């Protein structure tokens, strides 16, 4: 396995530590932090994870070592990565916001503790026996993704009531999220009088190709499925939707901050913080089998007014009144 495939971010101050301190560092517990995005796109979320760790008394570089593994959408790297982590016997595998990473970790080990943050039912995924009594080596946060798909579609419909045809963009390599997204879209869209087509994209070039296809069949709006790789391409989405003047809806407010029209979904940074807390509790000696899974039901609705104006969309006062964040 090529080590450069994974980005490990360690404290820049390490170069200045005395040799004795460096020797002590090797004895610190190692937490493998795995996410499907990039360090640049997820800086705020990673900070949330560290905040959660610190709330339980663990500070990076002081009494715990964090290894950051950013997959950048390359989920095929997971088997080799997990084999390496298991071989080295890391203290905890933390997988906030990545169903594929959580499933790969669970498949790779029954002994190393796993602190997950998944958008699907962890019982259905096979990660735990029950929410109250996980019963194995994994526990964490269940944040709602599929459950809010219909709500996000409804908000898009309320914002653009004339939209009749939408494109749903999914990442086929993130099978659990894709299946859940399409299942809910299939149920919700007809009830709103919406027709939809589904496009797949698993690389940056495939995202470009999807937008190139809009020249032949232009949708009234774009519905981007929740996915770690898509989150890492937020700037690309902002550039393409602005160029093609396509209204788009996302699951994460970070897209809206970069120019996306609207988003509705779980407060992802809060989820990362809570996974950090769970990781700290495990480091302190609590057993995952005995730590109940928490279901996170804190949501964010964000609208970018400037983008709406550029697209000629008048945002109804009712939507503005319920938005958690309005970017002007």
C-alpha atoms as a PDB file:
ATOM      1  CA  UNK A   1       0.000   0.000   0.000  1.00  0.00           C
ATOM      2  CA  UNK A   2       1.414   3.434  -0.934  1.00  0.00           C
ATOM      3  CA  UNK A   3       1.584   5.537   2.207  1.00  0.00           C
ATOM      4  CA  UNK A   4       1.064   8.734   0.233  1.00  0.00           C
ATOM      5  CA  UNK A   5      -2.449   7.604  -0.531  1.00  0.00           C
ATOM      6  CA  UNK A   6      -3.449   8.588   2.945  1.00  0.00           C
ATOM      7  CA  UNK A   7      -2.834  11.964   4.507  1.00  0.00           C
ATOM      8  CA  UNK A   8      -1.662  11.880   8.095  1.00  0.00           C
ATOM      9  CA  UNK A   9      -1.733  15.261   9.755  1.00  0.00           C
ATOM     10  CA  UNK A  10       0.328  15.582  12.893  1.00  0.00           C
ATOM     11  CA  UNK A  11       1.094  18.625  14.985  1.00  0.00           C
ATOM     12  CA  UNK A  12       3.597  20.935  13.382  1.00  0.00           C
ATOM     13  CA  UNK A  13       5.163  21.490  16.746  1.00  0.00           C
ATOM     14  CA  UNK A  14       6.411  17.916  16.850  1.00  0.00           C
ATOM     15  CA  UNK A  15       9.649  18.898  15.137  1.00  0.00           C
ATOM     16  CA  UNK A  16      10.539  21.068  18.094  1.00  0.00           C
ATOM     17  CA  UNK A  17       9.790  18.519  20.812  1.00  0.00           C
ATOM     18  CA  UNK A  18      12.725  17.211  22.849  1.00  0.00           C
ATOM     19  CA  UNK A  19      13.835  13.709  22.044  1.00  0.00           C
ATOM     20  CA  UNK A  20      12.505  12.465  25.370  1.00  0.00           C
ATOM     21  CA  UNK A  21       9.067  13.834  24.594  1.00  0.00           C
ATOM     22  CA  UNK A  22       9.126  12.166  21.200  1.00  0.00           C
ATOM     23  CA  UNK A  23       9.950   8.893  22.851  1.00  0.00           C
ATOM     24  CA  UNK A  24       6.979   9.295  25.168  1.00  0.00           C
ATOM     25  CA  UNK A  25       4.694  10.045  22.214  1.00  0.00           C
ATOM     26  CA  UNK A  26       5.120   6.556  20.821  1.00  0.00           C
ATOM     27  CA  UNK A  27       3.341   5.215  23.902  1.00  0.00           C
ATOM     28  CA  UNK A  28       0.288   7.399  23.372  1.00  0.00           C
ATOM     29  CA  UNK A  29      -2.920   5.767  22.129  1.00  0.00           C
ATOM     30  CA  UNK A  30      -3.458   6.127  18.389  1.00  0.00           C
ATOM     31  CA  UNK A  31      -6.883   7.043  17.022  1.00  0.00           C
ATOM     32  CA  UNK A  32      -7.387   6.422  13.307  1.00  0.00           C
ATOM     33  CA  UNK A  33      -9.775   9.099  11.999  1.00  0.00           C
ATOM     34  CA  UNK A  34     -11.244   8.091   8.634  1.00  0.00           C
ATOM     35  CA  UNK A  35     -13.422  10.232   6.386  1.00  0.00           C
ATOM     36  CA  UNK A  36     -14.464  10.130   2.745  1.00  0.00           C
ATOM     37  CA  UNK A  37     -13.748  13.808   2.100  1.00  0.00           C
ATOM     38  CA  UNK A  38     -10.569  15.946   2.074  1.00  0.00           C
ATOM     39  CA  UNK A  39      -8.806  17.833   4.893  1.00  0.00           C
ATOM     40  CA  UNK A  40      -9.555  21.167   3.228  1.00  0.00           C
ATOM     41  CA  UNK A  41     -13.269  20.503   2.807  1.00  0.00           C
ATOM     42  CA  UNK A  42     -13.693  19.030   6.281  1.00  0.00           C
ATOM     43  CA  UNK A  43     -11.471  21.257   8.394  1.00  0.00           C
ATOM     44  CA  UNK A  44     -14.417  22.554  10.433  1.00  0.00           C
ATOM     45  CA  UNK A  45     -15.713  19.042  11.024  1.00  0.00           C
ATOM     46  CA  UNK A  46     -12.328  17.674  12.079  1.00  0.00           C
ATOM     47  CA  UNK A  47     -12.069  20.580  14.526  1.00  0.00           C
ATOM     48  CA  UNK A  48     -15.448  19.504  15.906  1.00  0.00           C
ATOM     49  CA  UNK A  49     -14.111  15.985  16.441  1.00  0.00           C
ATOM     50  CA  UNK A  50     -11.104  17.341  18.332  1.00  0.00           C
ATOM     51  CA  UNK A  51     -13.425  19.508  20.419  1.00  0.00           C
ATOM     52  CA  UNK A  52     -15.380  16.425  21.433  1.00  0.00           C
ATOM     53  CA  UNK A  53     -12.181  14.608  22.354  1.00  0.00           C
ATOM     54  CA  UNK A  54     -11.021  17.545  24.478  1.00  0.00           C
ATOM     55  CA  UNK A  55     -14.319  17.579  26.364  1.00  0.00           C
ATOM     56  CA  UNK A  56     -13.415  14.125  27.661  1.00  0.00           C
ATOM     57  CA  UNK A  57      -9.835  15.137  28.456  1.00  0.00           C
ATOM     58  CA  UNK A  58      -7.915  14.137  25.331  1.00  0.00           C
ATOM     59  CA  UNK A  59      -5.819  16.658  23.411  1.00  0.00           C
ATOM     60  CA  UNK A  60      -4.088  15.830  20.145  1.00  0.00           C
ATOM     61  CA  UNK A  61      -0.328  15.545  20.564  1.00  0.00           C
ATOM     62  CA  UNK A  62      -0.542  15.690  24.347  1.00  0.00           C
ATOM     63  CA  UNK A  63      -2.161  12.432  25.400  1.00  0.00           C
ATOM     64  CA  UNK A  64      -3.470  11.008  22.121  1.00  0.00           C
ATOM     65  CA  UNK A  65      -2.178  10.680  18.554  1.00  0.00           C
ATOM     66  CA  UNK A  66      -4.631  11.297  15.726  1.00  0.00           C
ATOM     67  CA  UNK A  67      -4.018   9.744  12.321  1.00  0.00           C
ATOM     68  CA  UNK A  68      -6.119  11.411   9.645  1.00  0.00           C
ATOM     69  CA  UNK A  69      -7.001   9.251   6.671  1.00  0.00           C
ATOM     70  CA  UNK A  70      -8.853  11.223   3.990  1.00  0.00           C
ATOM     71  CA  UNK A  71     -10.233   8.925   1.314  1.00  0.00           C
ATOM     72  CA  UNK A  72     -11.234  11.704  -1.111  1.00  0.00           C
ATOM     73  CA  UNK A  73     -14.014   9.468  -2.407  1.00  0.00           C
ATOM     74  CA  UNK A  74     -11.721   6.478  -3.048  1.00  0.00           C
ATOM     75  CA  UNK A  75     -13.631   3.959  -0.973  1.00  0.00           C
ATOM     76  CA  UNK A  76     -11.770   1.141  -2.692  1.00  0.00           C
ATOM     77  CA  UNK A  77      -8.796   2.020  -0.457  1.00  0.00           C
ATOM     78  CA  UNK A  78     -10.642   0.922   2.657  1.00  0.00           C
ATOM     79  CA  UNK A  79      -9.727  -2.803   2.757  1.00  0.00           C
ATOM     80  CA  UNK A  80      -5.984  -2.120   2.600  1.00  0.00           C
ATOM     81  CA  UNK A  81      -6.261   0.737   5.098  1.00  0.00           C
ATOM     82  CA  UNK A  82      -8.227  -1.366   7.584  1.00  0.00           C
ATOM     83  CA  UNK A  83      -5.782  -4.248   7.253  1.00  0.00           C
ATOM     84  CA  UNK A  84      -2.957  -1.879   8.141  1.00  0.00           C
ATOM     85  CA  UNK A  85      -4.793  -0.402  11.137  1.00  0.00           C
ATOM     86  CA  UNK A  86      -5.665  -3.838  12.486  1.00  0.00           C
ATOM     87  CA  UNK A  87      -2.087  -5.036  11.987  1.00  0.00           C
ATOM     88  CA  UNK A  88      -0.772  -2.072  13.968  1.00  0.00           C
ATOM     89  CA  UNK A  89      -3.429  -2.384  16.658  1.00  0.00           C
ATOM     90  CA  UNK A  90      -4.607   1.212  16.856  1.00  0.00           C
ATOM     91  CA  UNK A  91      -6.573   2.137  19.986  1.00  0.00           C
ATOM     92  CA  UNK A  92      -9.783   3.299  18.254  1.00  0.00           C
ATOM     93  CA  UNK A  93     -11.055   3.566  14.698  1.00  0.00           C
ATOM     94  CA  UNK A  94     -13.251   6.665  14.336  1.00  0.00           C
ATOM     95  CA  UNK A  95     -15.425   6.927  11.222  1.00  0.00           C
ATOM     96  CA  UNK A  96     -17.599  10.058  11.550  1.00  0.00           C
ATOM     97  CA  UNK A  97     -19.761  10.673   8.511  1.00  0.00           C
ATOM     98  CA  UNK A  98     -18.728   7.617   6.499  1.00  0.00           C
ATOM     99  CA  UNK A  99     -20.966   4.575   6.228  1.00  0.00           C
ATOM    100  CA  UNK A 100     -18.454   2.753   3.972  1.00  0.00           C
ATOM    101  CA  UNK A 101     -15.613   3.303   6.466  1.00  0.00           C
ATOM    102  CA  UNK A 102     -17.709   2.115   9.398  1.00  0.00           C
ATOM    103  CA  UNK A 103     -18.747  -1.031   7.529  1.00  0.00           C
ATOM    104  CA  UNK A 104     -15.172  -1.710   6.419  1.00  0.00           C
ATOM    105  CA  UNK A 105     -13.924  -1.323   9.984  1.00  0.00           C
ATOM    106  CA  UNK A 106     -16.595  -3.664  11.317  1.00  0.00           C
ATOM    107  CA  UNK A 107     -15.668  -6.240   8.674  1.00  0.00           C
ATOM    108  CA  UNK A 108     -11.972  -5.964   9.496  1.00  0.00           C
ATOM    109  CA  UNK A 109     -11.997  -6.345  13.287  1.00  0.00           C
ATOM    110  CA  UNK A 110     -14.089  -7.601  16.165  1.00  0.00           C
ATOM    111  CA  UNK A 111     -11.683  -6.374  18.825  1.00  0.00           C
ATOM    112  CA  UNK A 112     -10.540  -2.825  18.028  1.00  0.00           C
ATOM    113  CA  UNK A 113     -13.198  -0.341  19.219  1.00  0.00           C
ATOM    114  CA  UNK A 114     -15.046   1.594  16.512  1.00  0.00           C
ATOM    115  CA  UNK A 115     -16.680   4.998  17.069  1.00  0.00           C
ATOM    116  CA  UNK A 116     -18.941   5.670  14.101  1.00  0.00           C
ATOM    117  CA  UNK A 117     -21.176   8.398  12.784  1.00  0.00           C
ATOM    118  CA  UNK A 118     -23.542   6.898  10.208  1.00  0.00           C
ATOM    119  CA  UNK A 119     -26.499   8.277   8.329  1.00  0.00           C
ATOM    120  CA  UNK A 120     -28.368   4.968   8.198  1.00  0.00           C
ATOM    121  CA  UNK A 121     -29.836   2.727  10.885  1.00  0.00           C
ATOM    122  CA  UNK A 122     -26.730   1.086  12.435  1.00  0.00           C
ATOM    123  CA  UNK A 123     -28.803  -1.985  13.362  1.00  0.00           C
ATOM    124  CA  UNK A 124     -29.872  -2.474   9.748  1.00  0.00           C
ATOM    125  CA  UNK A 125     -26.286  -1.907   8.626  1.00  0.00           C
ATOM    126  CA  UNK A 126     -25.135  -4.658  10.984  1.00  0.00           C
ATOM    127  CA  UNK A 127     -22.892  -2.397  13.056  1.00  0.00           C
ATOM    128  CA  UNK A 128     -24.720  -2.990  16.355  1.00  0.00           C
ATOM    129  CA  UNK A 129     -27.250  -5.437  17.781  1.00  0.00           C
ATOM    130  CA  UNK A 130     -29.490  -2.656  19.105  1.00  0.00           C
ATOM    131  CA  UNK A 131     -29.264   1.071  19.762  1.00  0.00           C
ATOM    132  CA  UNK A 132     -29.559   0.651  23.528  1.00  0.00           C
ATOM    133  CA  UNK A 133     -27.155  -2.298  23.734  1.00  0.00           C
ATOM    134  CA  UNK A 134     -24.705  -2.287  20.810  1.00  0.00           C
ATOM    135  CA  UNK A 135     -23.261  -5.582  21.977  1.00  0.00           C
ATOM    136  CA  UNK A 136     -20.021  -5.586  19.992  1.00  0.00           C
ATOM    137  CA  UNK A 137     -16.962  -3.453  19.338  1.00  0.00           C
ATOM    138  CA  UNK A 138     -18.805  -0.544  17.685  1.00  0.00           C
ATOM    139  CA  UNK A 139     -20.995   2.320  18.866  1.00  0.00           C
ATOM    140  CA  UNK A 140     -21.507   5.958  18.014  1.00  0.00           C
ATOM    141  CA  UNK A 141     -23.932   8.412  16.478  1.00  0.00           C
ATOM    142  CA  UNK A 142     -26.819   7.772  14.119  1.00  0.00           C
ATOM    143  CA  UNK A 143     -27.517  11.014  12.282  1.00  0.00           C
ATOM    144  CA  UNK A 144     -30.511  11.195  10.003  1.00  0.00           C
ATOM    145  CA  UNK A 145     -29.819  11.351   6.259  1.00  0.00           C
ATOM    146  CA  UNK A 146     -32.421   9.304   4.426  1.00  0.00           C
ATOM    147  CA  UNK A 147     -35.122  10.417   6.840  1.00  0.00           C
ATOM    148  CA  UNK A 148     -34.732  14.043   5.720  1.00  0.00           C
ATOM    149  CA  UNK A 149     -34.541  13.448   1.957  1.00  0.00           C
ATOM    150  CA  UNK A 150     -38.270  14.033   1.499  1.00  0.00           C
ATOM    151  CA  UNK A 151     -38.123  17.151   3.679  1.00  0.00           C
ATOM    152  CA  UNK A 152     -35.267  18.590   1.614  1.00  0.00           C
ATOM    153  CA  UNK A 153     -37.162  17.845  -1.576  1.00  0.00           C
ATOM    154  CA  UNK A 154     -40.241  19.585  -0.168  1.00  0.00           C
ATOM    155  CA  UNK A 155     -38.208  22.673   0.750  1.00  0.00           C
ATOM    156  CA  UNK A 156     -36.772  22.768  -2.775  1.00  0.00           C
ATOM    157  CA  UNK A 157     -40.276  22.488  -4.207  1.00  0.00           C
ATOM    158  CA  UNK A 158     -41.476  25.322  -1.944  1.00  0.00           C
ATOM    159  CA  UNK A 159     -38.540  27.470  -3.038  1.00  0.00           C
ATOM    160  CA  UNK A 160     -38.998  26.729  -6.768  1.00  0.00           C
ATOM    161  CA  UNK A 161     -42.669  25.722  -7.163  1.00  0.00           C
ATOM    162  CA  UNK A 162     -42.431  25.862 -10.976  1.00  0.00           C
ATOM    163  CA  UNK A 163     -39.721  23.202 -11.058  1.00  0.00           C
ATOM    164  CA  UNK A 164     -41.137  20.059 -12.645  1.00  0.00           C
ATOM    165  CA  UNK A 165     -38.045  18.067 -13.619  1.00  0.00           C
ATOM    166  CA  UNK A 166     -35.070  17.492 -11.332  1.00  0.00           C
ATOM    167  CA  UNK A 167     -31.824  15.571 -11.613  1.00  0.00           C
ATOM    168  CA  UNK A 168     -30.690  13.503  -8.636  1.00  0.00           C
ATOM    169  CA  UNK A 169     -26.919  13.062  -8.478  1.00  0.00           C
ATOM    170  CA  UNK A 170     -25.649  10.095  -6.453  1.00  0.00           C
ATOM    171  CA  UNK A 171     -22.316   8.401  -5.814  1.00  0.00           C
ATOM    172  CA  UNK A 172     -22.720   4.699  -6.695  1.00  0.00           C
ATOM    173  CA  UNK A 173     -19.647   3.725  -4.673  1.00  0.00           C
ATOM    174  CA  UNK A 174     -21.441   4.886  -1.511  1.00  0.00           C
ATOM    175  CA  UNK A 175     -24.134   2.245  -1.798  1.00  0.00           C
ATOM    176  CA  UNK A 176     -25.991   2.690   1.540  1.00  0.00           C
ATOM    177  CA  UNK A 177     -26.547   6.427   1.059  1.00  0.00           C
ATOM    178  CA  UNK A 178     -27.401   6.019  -2.612  1.00  0.00           C
ATOM    179  CA  UNK A 179     -29.987   3.310  -1.975  1.00  0.00           C
ATOM    180  CA  UNK A 180     -31.621   5.271   0.848  1.00  0.00           C
ATOM    181  CA  UNK A 181     -31.668   8.503  -1.161  1.00  0.00           C
ATOM    182  CA  UNK A 182     -33.273   6.928  -4.216  1.00  0.00           C
ATOM    183  CA  UNK A 183     -35.770   5.018  -2.111  1.00  0.00           C
ATOM    184  CA  UNK A 184     -37.064   8.238  -0.530  1.00  0.00           C
ATOM    185  CA  UNK A 185     -36.946  10.220  -3.765  1.00  0.00           C
ATOM    186  CA  UNK A 186     -38.989   7.524  -5.476  1.00  0.00           C
ATOM    187  CA  UNK A 187     -41.693   7.860  -2.826  1.00  0.00           C
ATOM    188  CA  UNK A 188     -41.674  11.634  -2.374  1.00  0.00           C
ATOM    189  CA  UNK A 189     -41.237  13.064  -5.883  1.00  0.00           C
ATOM    190  CA  UNK A 190     -44.513  11.827  -7.459  1.00  0.00           C
ATOM    191  CA  UNK A 191     -46.518  13.201  -4.539  1.00  0.00           C
ATOM    192  CA  UNK A 192     -45.111  16.646  -5.354  1.00  0.00           C
ATOM    193  CA  UNK A 193     -45.686  16.298  -9.079  1.00  0.00           C
ATOM    194  CA  UNK A 194     -41.959  16.054  -9.766  1.00  0.00           C
ATOM    195  CA  UNK A 195     -40.268  14.000 -12.434  1.00  0.00           C
ATOM    196  CA  UNK A 196     -36.653  13.032 -11.910  1.00  0.00           C
ATOM    197  CA  UNK A 197     -33.699  11.377 -13.546  1.00  0.00           C
ATOM    198  CA  UNK A 198     -30.766   9.799 -11.713  1.00  0.00           C
ATOM    199  CA  UNK A 199     -27.134  10.413 -12.650  1.00  0.00           C
ATOM    200  CA  UNK A 200     -24.076   8.713 -11.154  1.00  0.00           C
ATOM    201  CA  UNK A 201     -20.759  10.353 -10.353  1.00  0.00           C
ATOM    202  CA  UNK A 202     -17.846   8.929  -8.378  1.00  0.00           C
ATOM    203  CA  UNK A 203     -15.014  11.152  -9.622  1.00  0.00           C
ATOM    204  CA  UNK A 204     -14.446  14.830 -10.352  1.00  0.00           C
ATOM    205  CA  UNK A 205     -14.479  14.141 -14.094  1.00  0.00           C
ATOM    206  CA  UNK A 206     -17.788  12.313 -13.801  1.00  0.00           C
ATOM    207  CA  UNK A 207     -19.284  15.333 -12.049  1.00  0.00           C
ATOM    208  CA  UNK A 208     -18.091  17.455 -14.969  1.00  0.00           C
ATOM    209  CA  UNK A 209     -19.614  14.971 -17.395  1.00  0.00           C
ATOM    210  CA  UNK A 210     -22.952  15.104 -15.593  1.00  0.00           C
ATOM    211  CA  UNK A 211     -23.071  18.876 -15.966  1.00  0.00           C
ATOM    212  CA  UNK A 212     -21.980  18.638 -19.605  1.00  0.00           C
ATOM    213  CA  UNK A 213     -25.011  16.448 -20.201  1.00  0.00           C
ATOM    214  CA  UNK A 214     -27.280  19.239 -18.970  1.00  0.00           C
ATOM    215  CA  UNK A 215     -26.716  20.993 -22.305  1.00  0.00           C
ATOM    216  CA  UNK A 216     -28.858  18.263 -23.904  1.00  0.00           C
ATOM    217  CA  UNK A 217     -31.407  17.808 -21.132  1.00  0.00           C
ATOM    218  CA  UNK A 218     -31.415  20.668 -18.670  1.00  0.00           C
ATOM    219  CA  UNK A 219     -33.136  20.024 -15.312  1.00  0.00           C
ATOM    220  CA  UNK A 220     -35.106  22.664 -13.449  1.00  0.00           C
ATOM    221  CA  UNK A 221     -33.057  21.887 -10.333  1.00  0.00           C
ATOM    222  CA  UNK A 222     -30.292  19.592  -9.086  1.00  0.00           C
ATOM    223  CA  UNK A 223     -30.642  17.395  -5.993  1.00  0.00           C
ATOM    224  CA  UNK A 224     -27.197  16.319  -4.728  1.00  0.00           C
ATOM    225  CA  UNK A 225     -27.243  13.209  -2.536  1.00  0.00           C
ATOM    226  CA  UNK A 226     -25.387  13.243   0.789  1.00  0.00           C
ATOM    227  CA  UNK A 227     -21.882  11.859   0.304  1.00  0.00           C
ATOM    228  CA  UNK A 228     -18.400  12.481   1.704  1.00  0.00           C
ATOM    229  CA  UNK A 229     -16.814  12.690  -1.731  1.00  0.00           C
ATOM    230  CA  UNK A 230     -19.405  15.188  -2.930  1.00  0.00           C
ATOM    231  CA  UNK A 231     -18.660  17.275   0.173  1.00  0.00           C
ATOM    232  CA  UNK A 232     -15.006  17.363  -0.862  1.00  0.00           C
ATOM    233  CA  UNK A 233     -16.060  18.778  -4.274  1.00  0.00           C
ATOM    234  CA  UNK A 234     -18.155  21.659  -2.925  1.00  0.00           C
ATOM    235  CA  UNK A 235     -16.100  24.262  -4.804  1.00  0.00           C
ATOM    236  CA  UNK A 236     -16.534  22.312  -8.043  1.00  0.00           C
ATOM    237  CA  UNK A 237     -20.297  22.185  -7.532  1.00  0.00           C
ATOM    238  CA  UNK A 238     -20.420  25.906  -6.766  1.00  0.00           C
ATOM    239  CA  UNK A 239     -18.470  26.702  -9.928  1.00  0.00           C
ATOM    240  CA  UNK A 240     -20.525  24.476 -12.224  1.00  0.00           C
ATOM    241  CA  UNK A 241     -23.949  25.450 -10.883  1.00  0.00           C
ATOM    242  CA  UNK A 242     -23.045  29.151 -11.151  1.00  0.00           C
ATOM    243  CA  UNK A 243     -21.743  28.697 -14.686  1.00  0.00           C
ATOM    244  CA  UNK A 244     -24.830  26.803 -15.821  1.00  0.00           C
ATOM    245  CA  UNK A 245     -27.272  28.757 -13.634  1.00  0.00           C
ATOM    246  CA  UNK A 246     -28.766  25.617 -12.128  1.00  0.00           C
ATOM    247  CA  UNK A 247     -30.498  25.776  -8.723  1.00  0.00           C
ATOM    248  CA  UNK A 248     -29.095  23.064  -6.481  1.00  0.00           C
ATOM    249  CA  UNK A 249     -29.925  21.641  -3.085  1.00  0.00           C
ATOM    250  CA  UNK A 250     -27.501  19.866  -0.759  1.00  0.00           C
ATOM    251  CA  UNK A 251     -27.463  18.105   2.591  1.00  0.00           C
ATOM    252  CA  UNK A 252     -24.770  20.324   4.129  1.00  0.00           C
ATOM    253  CA  UNK A 253     -24.648  24.088   4.753  1.00  0.00           C
ATOM    254  CA  UNK A 254     -20.966  24.208   3.692  1.00  0.00           C
ATOM    255  CA  UNK A 255     -22.155  23.969   0.068  1.00  0.00           C
ATOM    256  CA  UNK A 256     -24.384  26.995   0.632  1.00  0.00           C
ATOM    257  CA  UNK A 257     -21.550  28.976   2.179  1.00  0.00           C
ATOM    258  CA  UNK A 258     -19.637  28.452  -1.075  1.00  0.00           C
ATOM    259  CA  UNK A 259     -22.515  29.550  -3.295  1.00  0.00           C
ATOM    260  CA  UNK A 260     -25.015  26.695  -3.334  1.00  0.00           C
ATOM    261  CA  UNK A 261     -28.660  27.718  -3.326  1.00  0.00           C
ATOM    262  CA  UNK A 262     -29.955  25.804  -0.302  1.00  0.00           C
ATOM    263  CA  UNK A 263     -29.310  22.902   2.045  1.00  0.00           C
ATOM    264  CA  UNK A 264     -31.164  20.910   4.626  1.00  0.00           C
ATOM    265  CA  UNK A 265     -29.694  18.179   6.755  1.00  0.00           C
ATOM    266  CA  UNK A 266     -28.115  17.145  10.009  1.00  0.00           C
ATOM    267  CA  UNK A 267     -25.742  19.492  11.791  1.00  0.00           C
ATOM    268  CA  UNK A 268     -22.723  17.479  10.639  1.00  0.00           C
ATOM    269  CA  UNK A 269     -20.158  19.355  12.733  1.00  0.00           C
ATOM    270  CA  UNK A 270     -22.157  18.524  15.852  1.00  0.00           C
ATOM    271  CA  UNK A 271     -22.152  14.873  14.809  1.00  0.00           C
ATOM    272  CA  UNK A 272     -18.354  14.957  14.474  1.00  0.00           C
ATOM    273  CA  UNK A 273     -18.107  16.503  17.946  1.00  0.00           C
ATOM    274  CA  UNK A 274     -20.215  13.762  19.467  1.00  0.00           C
ATOM    275  CA  UNK A 275     -18.175  11.033  17.753  1.00  0.00           C
ATOM    276  CA  UNK A 276     -15.137  12.704  19.326  1.00  0.00           C
ATOM    277  CA  UNK A 277     -16.806  12.436  22.734  1.00  0.00           C
ATOM    278  CA  UNK A 278     -17.536   8.739  22.155  1.00  0.00           C
ATOM    279  CA  UNK A 279     -13.925   8.177  21.101  1.00  0.00           C
ATOM    280  CA  UNK A 280     -12.710   9.807  24.309  1.00  0.00           C
ATOM    281  CA  UNK A 281     -15.045   7.707  26.416  1.00  0.00           C
ATOM    282  CA  UNK A 282     -13.686   4.560  24.795  1.00  0.00           C
ATOM    283  CA  UNK A 283     -10.112   5.711  25.402  1.00  0.00           C
ATOM    284  CA  UNK A 284     -11.014   6.156  29.063  1.00  0.00           C
ATOM    285  CA  UNK A 285     -11.975   2.491  29.226  1.00  0.00           C
ATOM    286  CA  UNK A 286     -15.702   2.338  28.482  1.00  0.00           C
ATOM    287  CA  UNK A 287     -16.719  -0.602  26.319  1.00  0.00           C
ATOM    288  CA  UNK A 288     -18.504   0.121  23.017  1.00  0.00           C
ATOM    289  CA  UNK A 289     -20.850  -2.780  23.706  1.00  0.00           C
ATOM    290  CA  UNK A 290     -22.199  -0.889  26.718  1.00  0.00           C
ATOM    291  CA  UNK A 291     -22.418   2.651  25.305  1.00  0.00           C
ATOM    292  CA  UNK A 292     -25.857   3.232  23.731  1.00  0.00           C
ATOM    293  CA  UNK A 293     -26.003   4.673  20.228  1.00  0.00           C
ATOM    294  CA  UNK A 294     -27.208   8.285  20.190  1.00  0.00           C
ATOM    295  CA  UNK A 295     -29.605   9.444  17.492  1.00  0.00           C
ATOM    296  CA  UNK A 296     -28.805  13.027  16.491  1.00  0.00           C
ATOM    297  CA  UNK A 297     -31.849  15.027  15.465  1.00  0.00           C
ATOM    298  CA  UNK A 298     -30.380  18.521  15.130  1.00  0.00           C
ATOM    299  CA  UNK A 299     -30.967  19.870  11.622  1.00  0.00           C
ATOM    300  CA  UNK A 300     -29.875  22.937   9.655  1.00  0.00           C
ATOM    301  CA  UNK A 301     -31.748  24.724   6.877  1.00  0.00           C
ATOM    302  CA  UNK A 302     -29.610  27.239   4.982  1.00  0.00           C
ATOM    303  CA  UNK A 303     -30.378  29.528   2.053  1.00  0.00           C
ATOM    304  CA  UNK A 304     -27.997  31.666   0.000  1.00  0.00           C
ATOM    305  CA  UNK A 305     -29.944  34.827  -0.866  1.00  0.00           C
ATOM    306  CA  UNK A 306     -27.278  36.145  -3.216  1.00  0.00           C
ATOM    307  CA  UNK A 307     -27.381  32.939  -5.252  1.00  0.00           C
ATOM    308  CA  UNK A 308     -31.188  33.066  -5.306  1.00  0.00           C
ATOM    309  CA  UNK A 309     -31.083  36.626  -6.648  1.00  0.00           C
ATOM    310  CA  UNK A 310     -28.546  35.702  -9.329  1.00  0.00           C
ATOM    311  CA  UNK A 311     -30.846  32.861 -10.419  1.00  0.00           C
ATOM    312  CA  UNK A 312     -33.883  35.117 -10.417  1.00  0.00           C
ATOM    313  CA  UNK A 313     -35.531  33.189  -7.583  1.00  0.00           C
ATOM    314  CA  UNK A 314     -37.675  35.077  -5.097  1.00  0.00           C
ATOM    315  CA  UNK A 315     -37.433  33.364  -1.729  1.00  0.00           C
ATOM    316  CA  UNK A 316     -40.850  33.179  -0.025  1.00  0.00           C
ATOM    317  CA  UNK A 317     -40.940  34.984   3.351  1.00  0.00           C
ATOM    318  CA  UNK A 318     -42.192  31.775   4.961  1.00  0.00           C
ATOM    319  CA  UNK A 319     -38.994  29.944   4.008  1.00  0.00           C
ATOM    320  CA  UNK A 320     -36.806  32.789   5.217  1.00  0.00           C
ATOM    321  CA  UNK A 321     -38.566  32.718   8.570  1.00  0.00           C
ATOM    322  CA  UNK A 322     -37.721  29.056   9.185  1.00  0.00           C
ATOM    323  CA  UNK A 323     -34.155  29.128   7.822  1.00  0.00           C
ATOM    324  CA  UNK A 324     -31.454  28.539  10.426  1.00  0.00           C
ATOM    325  CA  UNK A 325     -28.922  30.440   8.328  1.00  0.00           C
ATOM    326  CA  UNK A 326     -29.422  33.007   5.579  1.00  0.00           C
ATOM    327  CA  UNK A 327     -26.311  33.932   3.622  1.00  0.00           C
ATOM    328  CA  UNK A 328     -26.499  37.320   1.908  1.00  0.00           C
END
